[in-house]
Amino acid sequence: MNCELCNTSDETLLWRGQHCRVILVEDADYPGFCRVIWNDHIKEMTDLPSQIRAELMNTVFAVESAVREVMQPDKINLASLGNMTPHLHWHVIPRYIDDKHFPSPIWPSLYAAPAFQTSVIFAHV
């Protein structure tokens, strides 16, 4: 398996726990951008037991609090996408009114989203 989030050799590690780690994303446009990465190769939040899921979210919230205190952003964005890299991780992104994409997401829209029926999705909720 060739997963960039399983490979930890090229990371700026800020903290490592039993289940996840926190890294600094080196992006000059978004200083303070952190990523909370699940240590094992897991694709979805619901693949974790609820107690462990809560532990992961508490880590995300702790990182958010630390970034807010240190970076003093105008806004924090939290995102868990995994479409390009299907390995469970959260982005904690400090945003500023003068940053490159504010108030839009930091990722440009490169692909048109396929049409789907929300009724099909919500029938499973």
PDB file of N, CA and C in Angstrom:
ATOM      1  N   MET A   1       0.853  -1.177   0.000  1.00  0.00           N
ATOM      2  CA  MET A   1       0.000   0.000   0.000  1.00  0.00           C
ATOM      3  C   MET A   1       0.896   1.235   0.000  1.00  0.00           C
ATOM      4  N   ASN A   2       0.576   2.191  -0.838  1.00  0.00           N
ATOM      5  CA  ASN A   2       1.352   3.410  -0.936  1.00  0.00           C
ATOM      6  C   ASN A   2       0.506   4.583  -0.436  1.00  0.00           C
ATOM      7  N   CYS A   3       0.442   4.752   0.874  1.00  0.00           N
ATOM      8  CA  CYS A   3      -0.376   5.804   1.492  1.00  0.00           C
ATOM      9  C   CYS A   3       0.546   6.860   2.075  1.00  0.00           C
ATOM     10  N   GLU A   4       0.396   8.097   1.616  1.00  0.00           N
ATOM     11  CA  GLU A   4       1.269   9.165   2.092  1.00  0.00           C
ATOM     12  C   GLU A   4       1.095   9.455   3.585  1.00  0.00           C
ATOM     13  N   LEU A   5      -0.056   9.136   4.159  1.00  0.00           N
ATOM     14  CA  LEU A   5      -0.252   9.389   5.587  1.00  0.00           C
ATOM     15  C   LEU A   5       0.231   8.239   6.457  1.00  0.00           C
ATOM     16  N   CYS A   6       0.447   7.071   5.852  1.00  0.00           N
ATOM     17  CA  CYS A   6       1.068   5.964   6.585  1.00  0.00           C
ATOM     18  C   CYS A   6       2.581   6.173   6.686  1.00  0.00           C
ATOM     19  N   ASN A   7       3.143   6.880   5.716  1.00  0.00           N
ATOM     20  CA  ASN A   7       4.571   7.172   5.689  1.00  0.00           C
ATOM     21  C   ASN A   7       4.836   8.400   6.564  1.00  0.00           C
ATOM     22  N   THR A   8       5.545   8.214   7.671  1.00  0.00           N
ATOM     23  CA  THR A   8       5.763   9.306   8.622  1.00  0.00           C
ATOM     24  C   THR A   8       7.159   9.911   8.515  1.00  0.00           C
ATOM     25  N   SER A   9       7.922   9.540   7.512  1.00  0.00           N
ATOM     26  CA  SER A   9       9.318   9.972   7.453  1.00  0.00           C
ATOM     27  C   SER A   9       9.488  11.438   7.087  1.00  0.00           C
ATOM     28  N   ASP A  10       8.509  12.041   6.435  1.00  0.00           N
ATOM     29  CA  ASP A  10       8.655  13.410   5.956  1.00  0.00           C
ATOM     30  C   ASP A  10       7.649  14.351   6.624  1.00  0.00           C
ATOM     31  N   GLU A  11       7.497  14.217   7.946  1.00  0.00           N
ATOM     32  CA  GLU A  11       6.522  15.018   8.688  1.00  0.00           C
ATOM     33  C   GLU A  11       7.218  15.883   9.735  1.00  0.00           C
ATOM     34  N   THR A  12       6.589  17.006  10.033  1.00  0.00           N
ATOM     35  CA  THR A  12       6.999  17.801  11.185  1.00  0.00           C
ATOM     36  C   THR A  12       6.062  17.419  12.330  1.00  0.00           C
ATOM     37  N   LEU A  13       6.495  16.462  13.127  1.00  0.00           N
ATOM     38  CA  LEU A  13       5.668  15.909  14.199  1.00  0.00           C
ATOM     39  C   LEU A  13       5.612  16.866  15.386  1.00  0.00           C
ATOM     40  N   LEU A  14       4.380  17.185  15.811  1.00  0.00           N
ATOM     41  CA  LEU A  14       4.180  18.036  16.984  1.00  0.00           C
ATOM     42  C   LEU A  14       3.838  17.217  18.223  1.00  0.00           C
ATOM     43  N   TRP A  15       3.118  16.118  18.020  1.00  0.00           N
ATOM     44  CA  TRP A  15       2.682  15.260  19.137  1.00  0.00           C
ATOM     45  C   TRP A  15       2.301  13.899  18.584  1.00  0.00           C
ATOM     46  N   ARG A  16       2.569  12.872  19.352  1.00  0.00           N
ATOM     47  CA  ARG A  16       2.156  11.517  18.964  1.00  0.00           C
ATOM     48  C   ARG A  16       1.558  10.822  20.177  1.00  0.00           C
ATOM     49  N   GLY A  17       0.356  10.290  20.010  1.00  0.00           N
ATOM     50  CA  GLY A  17      -0.302   9.518  21.045  1.00  0.00           C
ATOM     51  C   GLY A  17      -0.422   8.070  20.609  1.00  0.00           C
ATOM     52  N   GLN A  18      -1.110   7.286  21.397  1.00  0.00           N
ATOM     53  CA  GLN A  18      -1.278   5.868  21.106  1.00  0.00           C
ATOM     54  C   GLN A  18      -2.015   5.633  19.786  1.00  0.00           C
ATOM     55  N   HIS A  19      -3.027   6.473  19.495  1.00  0.00           N
ATOM     56  CA  HIS A  19      -3.880   6.242  18.333  1.00  0.00           C
ATOM     57  C   HIS A  19      -3.691   7.228  17.190  1.00  0.00           C
ATOM     58  N   CYS A  20      -3.199   8.418  17.494  1.00  0.00           N
ATOM     59  CA  CYS A  20      -3.074   9.420  16.441  1.00  0.00           C
ATOM     60  C   CYS A  20      -1.876  10.320  16.698  1.00  0.00           C
ATOM     61  N   ARG A  21      -1.580  11.129  15.705  1.00  0.00           N
ATOM     62  CA  ARG A  21      -0.472  12.068  15.807  1.00  0.00           C
ATOM     63  C   ARG A  21      -0.903  13.408  15.222  1.00  0.00           C
ATOM     64  N   VAL A  22      -0.167  14.452  15.589  1.00  0.00           N
ATOM     65  CA  VAL A  22      -0.437  15.792  15.088  1.00  0.00           C
ATOM     66  C   VAL A  22       0.820  16.273  14.380  1.00  0.00           C
ATOM     67  N   ILE A  23       0.632  16.733  13.152  1.00  0.00           N
ATOM     68  CA  ILE A  23       1.764  17.257  12.398  1.00  0.00           C
ATOM     69  C   ILE A  23       1.488  18.696  11.983  1.00  0.00           C
ATOM     70  N   LEU A  24       2.562  19.427  11.726  1.00  0.00           N
ATOM     71  CA  LEU A  24       2.469  20.764  11.166  1.00  0.00           C
ATOM     72  C   LEU A  24       2.568  20.628   9.661  1.00  0.00           C
ATOM     73  N   VAL A  25       1.619  21.216   8.954  1.00  0.00           N
ATOM     74  CA  VAL A  25       1.635  21.203   7.492  1.00  0.00           C
ATOM     75  C   VAL A  25       2.454  22.409   7.045  1.00  0.00           C
ATOM     76  N   GLU A  26       3.511  22.153   6.327  1.00  0.00           N
ATOM     77  CA  GLU A  26       4.400  23.222   5.874  1.00  0.00           C
ATOM     78  C   GLU A  26       3.788  23.909   4.656  1.00  0.00           C
ATOM     79  N   ASP A  27       2.997  24.952   4.898  1.00  0.00           N
ATOM     80  CA  ASP A  27       2.351  25.695   3.818  1.00  0.00           C
ATOM     81  C   ASP A  27       2.457  27.174   4.143  1.00  0.00           C
ATOM     82  N   ALA A  28       3.279  27.886   3.387  1.00  0.00           N
ATOM     83  CA  ALA A  28       3.525  29.303   3.660  1.00  0.00           C
ATOM     84  C   ALA A  28       2.251  30.144   3.570  1.00  0.00           C
ATOM     85  N   ASP A  29       1.275  29.702   2.771  1.00  0.00           N
ATOM     86  CA  ASP A  29       0.016  30.444   2.643  1.00  0.00           C
ATOM     87  C   ASP A  29      -0.890  30.285   3.859  1.00  0.00           C
ATOM     88  N   TYR A  30      -0.662  29.210   4.641  1.00  0.00           N
ATOM     89  CA  TYR A  30      -1.527  28.916   5.786  1.00  0.00           C
ATOM     90  C   TYR A  30      -0.685  28.547   7.002  1.00  0.00           C
ATOM     91  N   PRO A  31      -0.013  29.522   7.601  1.00  0.00           N
ATOM     92  CA  PRO A  31       0.820  29.222   8.774  1.00  0.00           C
ATOM     93  C   PRO A  31      -0.024  28.693   9.935  1.00  0.00           C
ATOM     94  N   GLY A  32       0.493  27.678  10.615  1.00  0.00           N
ATOM     95  CA  GLY A  32      -0.226  27.082  11.736  1.00  0.00           C
ATOM     96  C   GLY A  32      -1.145  25.950  11.337  1.00  0.00           C
ATOM     97  N   PHE A  33      -1.212  25.635  10.059  1.00  0.00           N
ATOM     98  CA  PHE A  33      -2.061  24.552   9.538  1.00  0.00           C
ATOM     99  C   PHE A  33      -1.541  23.235  10.128  1.00  0.00           C
ATOM    100  N   CYS A  34      -2.421  22.528  10.834  1.00  0.00           N
ATOM    101  CA  CYS A  34      -2.056  21.238  11.429  1.00  0.00           C
ATOM    102  C   CYS A  34      -2.944  20.134  10.867  1.00  0.00           C
ATOM    103  N   ARG A  35      -2.447  18.917  10.984  1.00  0.00           N
ATOM    104  CA  ARG A  35      -3.216  17.752  10.570  1.00  0.00           C
ATOM    105  C   ARG A  35      -3.177  16.744  11.710  1.00  0.00           C
ATOM    106  N   VAL A  36      -4.335  16.229  12.084  1.00  0.00           N
ATOM    107  CA  VAL A  36      -4.448  15.164  13.078  1.00  0.00           C
ATOM    108  C   VAL A  36      -4.662  13.881  12.279  1.00  0.00           C
ATOM    109  N   ILE A  37      -3.724  12.937  12.401  1.00  0.00           N
ATOM    110  CA  ILE A  37      -3.727  11.739  11.564  1.00  0.00           C
ATOM    111  C   ILE A  37      -3.869  10.493  12.434  1.00  0.00           C
ATOM    112  N   TRP A  38      -4.810   9.638  12.074  1.00  0.00           N
ATOM    113  CA  TRP A  38      -4.961   8.351  12.752  1.00  0.00           C
ATOM    114  C   TRP A  38      -3.742   7.512  12.404  1.00  0.00           C
ATOM    115  N   ASN A  39      -3.121   6.872  13.390  1.00  0.00           N
ATOM    116  CA  ASN A  39      -1.877   6.131  13.141  1.00  0.00           C
ATOM    117  C   ASN A  39      -2.060   4.919  12.235  1.00  0.00           C
ATOM    118  N   ASP A  40      -3.164   4.182  12.402  1.00  0.00           N
ATOM    119  CA  ASP A  40      -3.417   3.016  11.565  1.00  0.00           C
ATOM    120  C   ASP A  40      -4.164   3.440  10.304  1.00  0.00           C
ATOM    121  N   HIS A  41      -4.065   2.648   9.270  1.00  0.00           N
ATOM    122  CA  HIS A  41      -4.741   2.964   8.011  1.00  0.00           C
ATOM    123  C   HIS A  41      -6.224   2.600   8.139  1.00  0.00           C
ATOM    124  N   ILE A  42      -7.014   3.597   8.475  1.00  0.00           N
ATOM    125  CA  ILE A  42      -8.469   3.479   8.625  1.00  0.00           C
ATOM    126  C   ILE A  42      -9.079   4.517   7.685  1.00  0.00           C
ATOM    127  N   LYS A  43     -10.171   4.180   7.005  1.00  0.00           N
ATOM    128  CA  LYS A  43     -10.755   5.104   6.035  1.00  0.00           C
ATOM    129  C   LYS A  43     -11.812   6.037   6.612  1.00  0.00           C
ATOM    130  N   GLU A  44     -12.651   5.555   7.511  1.00  0.00           N
ATOM    131  CA  GLU A  44     -13.820   6.332   7.925  1.00  0.00           C
ATOM    132  C   GLU A  44     -13.928   6.434   9.443  1.00  0.00           C
ATOM    133  N   MET A  45     -14.523   7.527   9.920  1.00  0.00           N
ATOM    134  CA  MET A  45     -14.746   7.725  11.357  1.00  0.00           C
ATOM    135  C   MET A  45     -15.563   6.576  11.939  1.00  0.00           C
ATOM    136  N   THR A  46     -16.558   6.108  11.192  1.00  0.00           N
ATOM    137  CA  THR A  46     -17.437   5.059  11.709  1.00  0.00           C
ATOM    138  C   THR A  46     -16.783   3.682  11.714  1.00  0.00           C
ATOM    139  N   ASP A  47     -15.544   3.588  11.226  1.00  0.00           N
ATOM    140  CA  ASP A  47     -14.774   2.346  11.374  1.00  0.00           C
ATOM    141  C   ASP A  47     -14.190   2.221  12.779  1.00  0.00           C
ATOM    142  N   LEU A  48     -14.243   3.303  13.551  1.00  0.00           N
ATOM    143  CA  LEU A  48     -13.719   3.313  14.923  1.00  0.00           C
ATOM    144  C   LEU A  48     -14.840   3.084  15.922  1.00  0.00           C
ATOM    145  N   PRO A  49     -14.559   2.404  17.044  1.00  0.00           N
ATOM    146  CA  PRO A  49     -15.547   2.322  18.130  1.00  0.00           C
ATOM    147  C   PRO A  49     -15.842   3.734  18.654  1.00  0.00           C
ATOM    148  N   SER A  50     -17.030   3.942  19.174  1.00  0.00           N
ATOM    149  CA  SER A  50     -17.458   5.288  19.569  1.00  0.00           C
ATOM    150  C   SER A  50     -16.535   5.928  20.611  1.00  0.00           C
ATOM    151  N   GLN A  51     -16.020   5.166  21.562  1.00  0.00           N
ATOM    152  CA  GLN A  51     -15.133   5.734  22.581  1.00  0.00           C
ATOM    153  C   GLN A  51     -13.814   6.218  21.960  1.00  0.00           C
ATOM    154  N   ILE A  52     -13.282   5.461  21.029  1.00  0.00           N
ATOM    155  CA  ILE A  52     -12.043   5.840  20.351  1.00  0.00           C
ATOM    156  C   ILE A  52     -12.298   7.024  19.415  1.00  0.00           C
ATOM    157  N   ARG A  53     -13.461   7.035  18.781  1.00  0.00           N
ATOM    158  CA  ARG A  53     -13.863   8.167  17.936  1.00  0.00           C
ATOM    159  C   ARG A  53     -13.897   9.449  18.756  1.00  0.00           C
ATOM    160  N   ALA A  54     -14.431   9.360  19.972  1.00  0.00           N
ATOM    161  CA  ALA A  54     -14.473  10.528  20.859  1.00  0.00           C
ATOM    162  C   ALA A  54     -13.061  10.977  21.236  1.00  0.00           C
ATOM    163  N   GLU A  55     -12.170  10.029  21.441  1.00  0.00           N
ATOM    164  CA  GLU A  55     -10.774  10.363  21.741  1.00  0.00           C
ATOM    165  C   GLU A  55     -10.139  11.136  20.584  1.00  0.00           C
ATOM    166  N   LEU A  56     -10.396  10.693  19.366  1.00  0.00           N
ATOM    167  CA  LEU A  56      -9.873  11.391  18.196  1.00  0.00           C
ATOM    168  C   LEU A  56     -10.418  12.809  18.126  1.00  0.00           C
ATOM    169  N   MET A  57     -11.722  12.963  18.323  1.00  0.00           N
ATOM    170  CA  MET A  57     -12.307  14.304  18.249  1.00  0.00           C
ATOM    171  C   MET A  57     -11.790  15.199  19.373  1.00  0.00           C
ATOM    172  N   ASN A  58     -11.563  14.643  20.567  1.00  0.00           N
ATOM    173  CA  ASN A  58     -10.980  15.447  21.648  1.00  0.00           C
ATOM    174  C   ASN A  58      -9.592  15.936  21.269  1.00  0.00           C
ATOM    175  N   THR A  59      -8.839  15.115  20.528  1.00  0.00           N
ATOM    176  CA  THR A  59      -7.527  15.545  20.051  1.00  0.00           C
ATOM    177  C   THR A  59      -7.681  16.673  19.035  1.00  0.00           C
ATOM    178  N   VAL A  60      -8.627  16.535  18.107  1.00  0.00           N
ATOM    179  CA  VAL A  60      -8.881  17.592  17.122  1.00  0.00           C
ATOM    180  C   VAL A  60      -9.233  18.897  17.835  1.00  0.00           C
ATOM    181  N   PHE A  61     -10.098  18.816  18.851  1.00  0.00           N
ATOM    182  CA  PHE A  61     -10.511  20.023  19.569  1.00  0.00           C
ATOM    183  C   PHE A  61      -9.353  20.632  20.360  1.00  0.00           C
ATOM    184  N   ALA A  62      -8.484  19.796  20.910  1.00  0.00           N
ATOM    185  CA  ALA A  62      -7.311  20.301  21.635  1.00  0.00           C
ATOM    186  C   ALA A  62      -6.365  21.026  20.683  1.00  0.00           C
ATOM    187  N   VAL A  63      -6.184  20.474  19.491  1.00  0.00           N
ATOM    188  CA  VAL A  63      -5.335  21.133  18.492  1.00  0.00           C
ATOM    189  C   VAL A  63      -5.968  22.448  18.072  1.00  0.00           C
ATOM    190  N   GLU A  64      -7.273  22.448  17.847  1.00  0.00           N
ATOM    191  CA  GLU A  64      -7.964  23.691  17.496  1.00  0.00           C
ATOM    192  C   GLU A  64      -7.734  24.750  18.576  1.00  0.00           C
ATOM    193  N   SER A  65      -7.890  24.391  19.831  1.00  0.00           N
ATOM    194  CA  SER A  65      -7.700  25.343  20.929  1.00  0.00           C
ATOM    195  C   SER A  65      -6.277  25.889  20.961  1.00  0.00           C
ATOM    196  N   ALA A  66      -5.299  24.998  20.770  1.00  0.00           N
ATOM    197  CA  ALA A  66      -3.895  25.432  20.785  1.00  0.00           C
ATOM    198  C   ALA A  66      -3.600  26.365  19.614  1.00  0.00           C
ATOM    199  N   VAL A  67      -4.108  26.032  18.435  1.00  0.00           N
ATOM    200  CA  VAL A  67      -3.883  26.878  17.256  1.00  0.00           C
ATOM    201  C   VAL A  67      -4.539  28.233  17.459  1.00  0.00           C
ATOM    202  N   ARG A  68      -5.732  28.256  18.014  1.00  0.00           N
ATOM    203  CA  ARG A  68      -6.406  29.542  18.282  1.00  0.00           C
ATOM    204  C   ARG A  68      -5.599  30.393  19.240  1.00  0.00           C
ATOM    205  N   GLU A  69      -5.082  29.764  20.290  1.00  0.00           N
ATOM    206  CA  GLU A  69      -4.305  30.514  21.284  1.00  0.00           C
ATOM    207  C   GLU A  69      -3.001  31.047  20.695  1.00  0.00           C
ATOM    208  N   VAL A  70      -2.306  30.226  19.957  1.00  0.00           N
ATOM    209  CA  VAL A  70      -0.986  30.611  19.446  1.00  0.00           C
ATOM    210  C   VAL A  70      -1.075  31.518  18.216  1.00  0.00           C
ATOM    211  N   MET A  71      -1.962  31.185  17.283  1.00  0.00           N
ATOM    212  CA  MET A  71      -1.993  31.886  15.995  1.00  0.00           C
ATOM    213  C   MET A  71      -2.976  33.058  15.949  1.00  0.00           C
ATOM    214  N   GLN A  72      -3.963  33.102  16.852  1.00  0.00           N
ATOM    215  CA  GLN A  72      -4.963  34.173  16.890  1.00  0.00           C
ATOM    216  C   GLN A  72      -5.638  34.402  15.524  1.00  0.00           C
ATOM    217  N   PRO A  73      -6.169  33.332  14.917  1.00  0.00           N
ATOM    218  CA  PRO A  73      -6.792  33.487  13.600  1.00  0.00           C
ATOM    219  C   PRO A  73      -8.154  34.164  13.691  1.00  0.00           C
ATOM    220  N   ASP A  74      -8.645  34.618  12.551  1.00  0.00           N
ATOM    221  CA  ASP A  74     -10.002  35.162  12.486  1.00  0.00           C
ATOM    222  C   ASP A  74     -11.041  34.048  12.516  1.00  0.00           C
ATOM    223  N   LYS A  75     -10.650  32.864  12.058  1.00  0.00           N
ATOM    224  CA  LYS A  75     -11.550  31.709  11.984  1.00  0.00           C
ATOM    225  C   LYS A  75     -10.708  30.445  11.934  1.00  0.00           C
ATOM    226  N   ILE A  76     -11.266  29.337  12.394  1.00  0.00           N
ATOM    227  CA  ILE A  76     -10.638  28.020  12.258  1.00  0.00           C
ATOM    228  C   ILE A  76     -11.523  27.178  11.347  1.00  0.00           C
ATOM    229  N   ASN A  77     -10.913  26.497  10.400  1.00  0.00           N
ATOM    230  CA  ASN A  77     -11.635  25.510   9.587  1.00  0.00           C
ATOM    231  C   ASN A  77     -11.201  24.125  10.028  1.00  0.00           C
ATOM    232  N   LEU A  78     -12.177  23.256  10.260  1.00  0.00           N
ATOM    233  CA  LEU A  78     -11.933  21.841  10.539  1.00  0.00           C
ATOM    234  C   LEU A  78     -12.480  21.061   9.348  1.00  0.00           C
ATOM    235  N   ALA A  79     -11.682  20.136   8.843  1.00  0.00           N
ATOM    236  CA  ALA A  79     -12.134  19.371   7.684  1.00  0.00           C
ATOM    237  C   ALA A  79     -11.610  17.949   7.749  1.00  0.00           C
ATOM    238  N   SER A  80     -12.484  17.015   7.399  1.00  0.00           N
ATOM    239  CA  SER A  80     -12.090  15.624   7.243  1.00  0.00           C
ATOM    240  C   SER A  80     -12.680  15.146   5.926  1.00  0.00           C
ATOM    241  N   LEU A  81     -11.853  15.085   4.915  1.00  0.00           N
ATOM    242  CA  LEU A  81     -12.337  14.734   3.581  1.00  0.00           C
ATOM    243  C   LEU A  81     -11.874  13.328   3.199  1.00  0.00           C
ATOM    244  N   GLY A  82     -10.607  13.180   2.926  1.00  0.00           N
ATOM    245  CA  GLY A  82     -10.071  11.869   2.605  1.00  0.00           C
ATOM    246  C   GLY A  82     -10.379  11.369   1.208  1.00  0.00           C
ATOM    247  N   ASN A  83     -10.855  12.232   0.321  1.00  0.00           N
ATOM    248  CA  ASN A  83     -11.161  11.789  -1.036  1.00  0.00           C
ATOM    249  C   ASN A  83      -9.901  11.489  -1.836  1.00  0.00           C
ATOM    250  N   MET A  84      -8.877  12.288  -1.645  1.00  0.00           N
ATOM    251  CA  MET A  84      -7.612  12.083  -2.363  1.00  0.00           C
ATOM    252  C   MET A  84      -6.724  11.073  -1.636  1.00  0.00           C
ATOM    253  N   THR A  85      -6.788  11.091  -0.304  1.00  0.00           N
ATOM    254  CA  THR A  85      -6.006  10.164   0.522  1.00  0.00           C
ATOM    255  C   THR A  85      -6.954   9.502   1.509  1.00  0.00           C
ATOM    256  N   PRO A  86      -7.451   8.300   1.204  1.00  0.00           N
ATOM    257  CA  PRO A  86      -8.446   7.653   2.063  1.00  0.00           C
ATOM    258  C   PRO A  86      -7.825   7.044   3.326  1.00  0.00           C
ATOM    259  N   HIS A  87      -7.301   7.911   4.167  1.00  0.00           N
ATOM    260  CA  HIS A  87      -6.713   7.553   5.464  1.00  0.00           C
ATOM    261  C   HIS A  87      -7.265   8.580   6.437  1.00  0.00           C
ATOM    262  N   LEU A  88      -7.859   8.128   7.519  1.00  0.00           N
ATOM    263  CA  LEU A  88      -8.551   9.007   8.452  1.00  0.00           C
ATOM    264  C   LEU A  88      -7.629  10.099   8.981  1.00  0.00           C
ATOM    265  N   HIS A  89      -8.020  11.349   8.732  1.00  0.00           N
ATOM    266  CA  HIS A  89      -7.263  12.499   9.220  1.00  0.00           C
ATOM    267  C   HIS A  89      -8.170  13.726   9.237  1.00  0.00           C
ATOM    268  N   TRP A  90      -7.777  14.690  10.067  1.00  0.00           N
ATOM    269  CA  TRP A  90      -8.497  15.956  10.196  1.00  0.00           C
ATOM    270  C   TRP A  90      -7.538  17.099   9.919  1.00  0.00           C
ATOM    271  N   HIS A  91      -8.019  18.087   9.192  1.00  0.00           N
ATOM    272  CA  HIS A  91      -7.272  19.314   8.943  1.00  0.00           C
ATOM    273  C   HIS A  91      -7.743  20.360   9.951  1.00  0.00           C
ATOM    274  N   VAL A  92      -6.808  21.031  10.589  1.00  0.00           N
ATOM    275  CA  VAL A  92      -7.113  22.147  11.491  1.00  0.00           C
ATOM    276  C   VAL A  92      -6.397  23.358  10.886  1.00  0.00           C
ATOM    277  N   ILE A  93      -7.188  24.258  10.309  1.00  0.00           N
ATOM    278  CA  ILE A  93      -6.628  25.310   9.470  1.00  0.00           C
ATOM    279  C   ILE A  93      -6.988  26.686  10.027  1.00  0.00           C
ATOM    280  N   PRO A  94      -5.989  27.435  10.515  1.00  0.00           N
ATOM    281  CA  PRO A  94      -6.273  28.811  10.927  1.00  0.00           C
ATOM    282  C   PRO A  94      -6.498  29.667   9.683  1.00  0.00           C
ATOM    283  N   ARG A  95      -7.542  30.469   9.710  1.00  0.00           N
ATOM    284  CA  ARG A  95      -7.881  31.323   8.570  1.00  0.00           C
ATOM    285  C   ARG A  95      -7.845  32.779   8.988  1.00  0.00           C
ATOM    286  N   TYR A  96      -7.458  33.597   8.054  1.00  0.00           N
ATOM    287  CA  TYR A  96      -7.336  35.036   8.267  1.00  0.00           C
ATOM    288  C   TYR A  96      -8.054  35.745   7.128  1.00  0.00           C
ATOM    289  N   ILE A  97      -8.650  36.884   7.439  1.00  0.00           N
ATOM    290  CA  ILE A  97      -9.425  37.591   6.408  1.00  0.00           C
ATOM    291  C   ILE A  97      -8.559  38.003   5.215  1.00  0.00           C
ATOM    292  N   ASP A  98      -7.244  38.070   5.393  1.00  0.00           N
ATOM    293  CA  ASP A  98      -6.371  38.431   4.278  1.00  0.00           C
ATOM    294  C   ASP A  98      -5.612  37.230   3.697  1.00  0.00           C
ATOM    295  N   ASP A  99      -6.048  35.994   4.029  1.00  0.00           N
ATOM    296  CA  ASP A  99      -5.344  34.843   3.456  1.00  0.00           C
ATOM    297  C   ASP A  99      -5.749  34.646   1.997  1.00  0.00           C
ATOM    298  N   LYS A 100      -5.040  33.780   1.326  1.00  0.00           N
ATOM    299  CA  LYS A 100      -5.111  33.603  -0.126  1.00  0.00           C
ATOM    300  C   LYS A 100      -6.518  33.299  -0.654  1.00  0.00           C
ATOM    301  N   HIS A 101      -7.330  32.563   0.097  1.00  0.00           N
ATOM    302  CA  HIS A 101      -8.646  32.151  -0.400  1.00  0.00           C
ATOM    303  C   HIS A 101      -9.827  32.609   0.453  1.00  0.00           C
ATOM    304  N   PHE A 102      -9.595  33.289   1.571  1.00  0.00           N
ATOM    305  CA  PHE A 102     -10.680  33.656   2.482  1.00  0.00           C
ATOM    306  C   PHE A 102     -11.757  34.447   1.738  1.00  0.00           C
ATOM    307  N   PRO A 103     -13.024  34.136   1.941  1.00  0.00           N
ATOM    308  CA  PRO A 103     -13.624  33.194   2.877  1.00  0.00           C
ATOM    309  C   PRO A 103     -13.879  31.823   2.261  1.00  0.00           C
ATOM    310  N   SER A 104     -13.402  31.569   1.060  1.00  0.00           N
ATOM    311  CA  SER A 104     -13.599  30.279   0.400  1.00  0.00           C
ATOM    312  C   SER A 104     -12.726  29.205   1.036  1.00  0.00           C
ATOM    313  N   PRO A 105     -12.999  27.939   0.745  1.00  0.00           N
ATOM    314  CA  PRO A 105     -12.115  26.862   1.221  1.00  0.00           C
ATOM    315  C   PRO A 105     -10.699  27.057   0.664  1.00  0.00           C
ATOM    316  N   ILE A 106      -9.713  26.489   1.357  1.00  0.00           N
ATOM    317  CA  ILE A 106      -8.335  26.670   0.896  1.00  0.00           C
ATOM    318  C   ILE A 106      -8.026  25.839  -0.341  1.00  0.00           C
ATOM    319  N   TRP A 107      -8.825  24.799  -0.601  1.00  0.00           N
ATOM    320  CA  TRP A 107      -8.586  23.960  -1.764  1.00  0.00           C
ATOM    321  C   TRP A 107      -9.438  24.453  -2.922  1.00  0.00           C
ATOM    322  N   PRO A 108      -8.822  24.695  -4.072  1.00  0.00           N
ATOM    323  CA  PRO A 108      -9.625  25.129  -5.224  1.00  0.00           C
ATOM    324  C   PRO A 108     -10.524  23.995  -5.701  1.00  0.00           C
ATOM    325  N   SER A 109     -11.592  24.368  -6.312  1.00  0.00           N
ATOM    326  CA  SER A 109     -12.522  23.373  -6.850  1.00  0.00           C
ATOM    327  C   SER A 109     -11.999  22.927  -8.211  1.00  0.00           C
ATOM    328  N   LEU A 110     -11.324  21.778  -8.229  1.00  0.00           N
ATOM    329  CA  LEU A 110     -10.701  21.284  -9.453  1.00  0.00           C
ATOM    330  C   LEU A 110     -11.620  20.387 -10.260  1.00  0.00           C
ATOM    331  N   TYR A 111     -12.592  19.801  -9.600  1.00  0.00           N
ATOM    332  CA  TYR A 111     -13.445  18.814 -10.252  1.00  0.00           C
ATOM    333  C   TYR A 111     -14.903  19.191 -10.044  1.00  0.00           C
ATOM    334  N   ALA A 112     -15.690  18.979 -11.072  1.00  0.00           N
ATOM    335  CA  ALA A 112     -17.131  19.196 -10.925  1.00  0.00           C
ATOM    336  C   ALA A 112     -17.717  18.033 -10.136  1.00  0.00           C
ATOM    337  N   ALA A 113     -18.540  18.349  -9.175  1.00  0.00           N
ATOM    338  CA  ALA A 113     -19.167  17.297  -8.372  1.00  0.00           C
ATOM    339  C   ALA A 113     -20.235  16.597  -9.204  1.00  0.00           C
ATOM    340  N   PRO A 114     -20.294  15.280  -9.137  1.00  0.00           N
ATOM    341  CA  PRO A 114     -21.332  14.558  -9.881  1.00  0.00           C
ATOM    342  C   PRO A 114     -22.702  14.807  -9.261  1.00  0.00           C
ATOM    343  N   ALA A 115     -23.698  14.765 -10.084  1.00  0.00           N
ATOM    344  CA  ALA A 115     -25.062  14.934  -9.585  1.00  0.00           C
ATOM    345  C   ALA A 115     -25.442  13.710  -8.757  1.00  0.00           C
ATOM    346  N   PHE A 116     -26.163  13.934  -7.672  1.00  0.00           N
ATOM    347  CA  PHE A 116     -26.634  12.822  -6.862  1.00  0.00           C
ATOM    348  C   PHE A 116     -27.979  13.189  -6.260  1.00  0.00           C
ATOM    349  N   GLN A 117     -28.673  12.198  -5.793  1.00  0.00           N
ATOM    350  CA  GLN A 117     -29.978  12.432  -5.189  1.00  0.00           C
ATOM    351  C   GLN A 117     -29.840  12.352  -3.682  1.00  0.00           C
ATOM    352  N   THR A 118     -30.114  13.453  -3.008  1.00  0.00           N
ATOM    353  CA  THR A 118     -30.002  13.464  -1.557  1.00  0.00           C
ATOM    354  C   THR A 118     -30.993  12.510  -0.914  1.00  0.00           C
ATOM    355  N   SER A 119     -32.103  12.248  -1.567  1.00  0.00           N
ATOM    356  CA  SER A 119     -33.084  11.334  -0.978  1.00  0.00           C
ATOM    357  C   SER A 119     -32.497   9.943  -0.812  1.00  0.00           C
ATOM    358  N   VAL A 120     -31.610   9.534  -1.715  1.00  0.00           N
ATOM    359  CA  VAL A 120     -30.990   8.220  -1.622  1.00  0.00           C
ATOM    360  C   VAL A 120     -30.066   8.172  -0.405  1.00  0.00           C
ATOM    361  N   ILE A 121     -29.306   9.244  -0.188  1.00  0.00           N
ATOM    362  CA  ILE A 121     -28.400   9.306   0.963  1.00  0.00           C
ATOM    363  C   ILE A 121     -29.178   9.324   2.270  1.00  0.00           C
ATOM    364  N   PHE A 122     -30.183  10.207   2.360  1.00  0.00           N
ATOM    365  CA  PHE A 122     -30.907  10.365   3.610  1.00  0.00           C
ATOM    366  C   PHE A 122     -31.834   9.192   3.929  1.00  0.00           C
ATOM    367  N   ALA A 123     -32.085   8.351   2.970  1.00  0.00           N
ATOM    368  CA  ALA A 123     -32.874   7.148   3.249  1.00  0.00           C
ATOM    369  C   ALA A 123     -32.112   6.199   4.160  1.00  0.00           C
ATOM    370  N   HIS A 124     -30.775   6.348   4.222  1.00  0.00           N
ATOM    371  CA  HIS A 124     -29.936   5.481   5.045  1.00  0.00           C
ATOM    372  C   HIS A 124     -29.620   6.084   6.409  1.00  0.00           C
ATOM    373  N   VAL A 125     -30.045   7.306   6.655  1.00  0.00           N
ATOM    374  CA  VAL A 125     -29.719   7.983   7.920  1.00  0.00           C
ATOM    375  C   VAL A 125     -30.723   7.629   8.986  1.00  0.00           C
TER     376      VAL A 125
END
